[in-house]
Amino acid sequence: MDLKFTRQFVIEKSNIMGRKGFYIADFHCHALKIIVEIDGPIHLLQKDYDELRQQHLVEMGFHVIRFKNEEIIKNWVEVEERLRSDVLKRLEVI
């Protein structure tokens, strides 16, 4: 299977009042409904928002994988292994 990840992918959502809203995923794989989020320092200040956002995305059927900037810079091999493992697990589901 040829997998493609799109950067800065817009995902439409609805809020309680029925108005449209949007989330922007750092990376998104349509075929597997995987979202990869890269968390910089700003995410330390918005933990509640990130948790609620992730909960909404999971309820919409997405699998969310989060990495910190530092992990990617300092431990790329581990990040790559985790990403590969999560993709393979997701492939088994579909």
Protein backbone atom coordinates (compact mmCIF):
# COMPACT_ATOMS: atom_id res chain seq x y z
CA MET A 1 0.00 0.00 0.00
CA ASP A 2 1.36 3.39 -0.99
CA LEU A 3 0.89 5.72 2.00
CA LYS A 4 0.95 9.48 1.66
CA PHE A 5 1.17 11.95 4.53
CA THR A 6 -0.12 15.46 3.91
CA ARG A 7 1.29 18.39 5.87
CA GLN A 8 -0.97 20.97 7.56
CA PHE A 9 -4.18 19.08 6.76
CA VAL A 10 -7.49 20.80 7.62
CA ILE A 11 -10.10 18.64 9.39
CA GLU A 12 -13.63 19.99 9.67
CA LYS A 13 -15.51 19.60 12.94
CA SER A 14 -18.78 20.86 14.37
CA ASN A 15 -19.26 22.39 17.77
CA ILE A 16 -22.30 22.27 20.05
CA MET A 17 -23.95 25.23 18.37
CA GLY A 18 -23.73 23.54 14.96
CA ARG A 19 -21.20 26.01 13.60
CA LYS A 20 -18.32 24.63 11.62
CA GLY A 21 -14.89 24.62 13.11
CA PHE A 22 -11.56 23.25 12.02
CA TYR A 23 -8.52 21.48 13.35
CA ILE A 24 -5.23 21.59 11.48
CA ALA A 25 -3.19 18.39 11.75
CA ASP A 26 0.57 18.70 11.40
CA PHE A 27 0.58 15.53 9.25
CA HIS A 28 -2.31 13.35 8.09
CA CYS A 29 -2.52 10.00 6.31
CA HIS A 30 -5.94 9.72 4.69
CA ALA A 31 -5.69 5.98 3.92
CA LEU A 32 -5.12 5.07 7.58
CA LYS A 33 -6.78 8.06 9.30
CA ILE A 34 -3.54 8.74 11.16
CA ILE A 35 -2.64 12.18 12.47
CA VAL A 36 0.92 12.95 13.54
CA GLU A 37 1.31 15.95 15.84
CA ILE A 38 4.65 17.63 16.52
CA ASP A 39 4.52 19.48 19.85
CA GLY A 40 6.70 22.50 20.44
CA PRO A 41 6.97 24.55 23.65
CA ILE A 42 3.57 26.24 23.12
CA HIS A 43 1.89 22.93 23.86
CA LEU A 44 3.05 23.13 27.48
CA LEU A 45 0.66 26.09 27.84
CA GLN A 46 -2.33 24.44 26.16
CA LYS A 47 -2.46 20.92 27.58
CA ASP A 48 -6.22 21.01 28.26
CA TYR A 49 -6.97 22.19 24.72
CA ASP A 50 -4.68 19.52 23.23
CA GLU A 51 -6.36 16.76 25.27
CA LEU A 52 -9.85 17.89 24.24
CA ARG A 53 -8.79 18.25 20.61
CA GLN A 54 -7.24 14.78 20.60
CA GLN A 55 -10.37 13.31 22.19
CA HIS A 56 -12.51 14.87 19.43
CA LEU A 57 -10.19 13.54 16.73
CA VAL A 58 -10.27 10.02 18.21
CA GLU A 59 -14.07 10.19 18.37
CA MET A 60 -13.98 11.09 14.66
CA GLY A 61 -12.06 7.85 13.98
CA PHE A 62 -8.52 9.21 13.79
CA HIS A 63 -5.46 7.66 15.41
CA VAL A 64 -3.29 10.44 16.86
CA ILE A 65 0.45 10.06 17.36
CA ARG A 66 2.27 12.82 19.24
CA PHE A 67 5.95 13.63 19.32
CA LYS A 68 7.81 16.45 21.01
CA ASN A 69 10.21 18.55 18.94
CA GLU A 70 13.08 17.36 21.14
CA GLU A 71 12.25 13.70 20.50
CA ILE A 72 12.45 14.20 16.75
CA ILE A 73 15.71 16.13 16.93
CA LYS A 74 17.48 13.93 19.49
CA ASN A 75 15.95 10.48 18.99
CA TRP A 76 14.95 10.22 15.34
CA VAL A 77 15.55 6.45 15.22
CA GLU A 78 13.08 5.87 18.08
CA VAL A 79 10.54 8.24 16.53
CA GLU A 80 10.81 6.45 13.21
CA GLU A 81 10.39 3.05 14.89
CA ARG A 82 7.31 4.19 16.81
CA LEU A 83 5.77 5.74 13.72
CA ARG A 84 6.45 2.61 11.67
CA SER A 85 4.99 0.41 14.43
CA ASP A 86 1.82 2.52 14.71
CA VAL A 87 1.36 2.51 10.92
CA LEU A 88 1.74 -1.28 10.79
CA LYS A 89 -0.78 -1.74 13.62
CA ARG A 90 -3.22 0.56 11.82
CA LEU A 91 -2.77 -1.43 8.60
CA GLU A 92 -3.83 -4.57 10.48
CA VAL A 93 -7.07 -2.87 11.53
CA ILE A 94 -8.21 -1.94 8.01
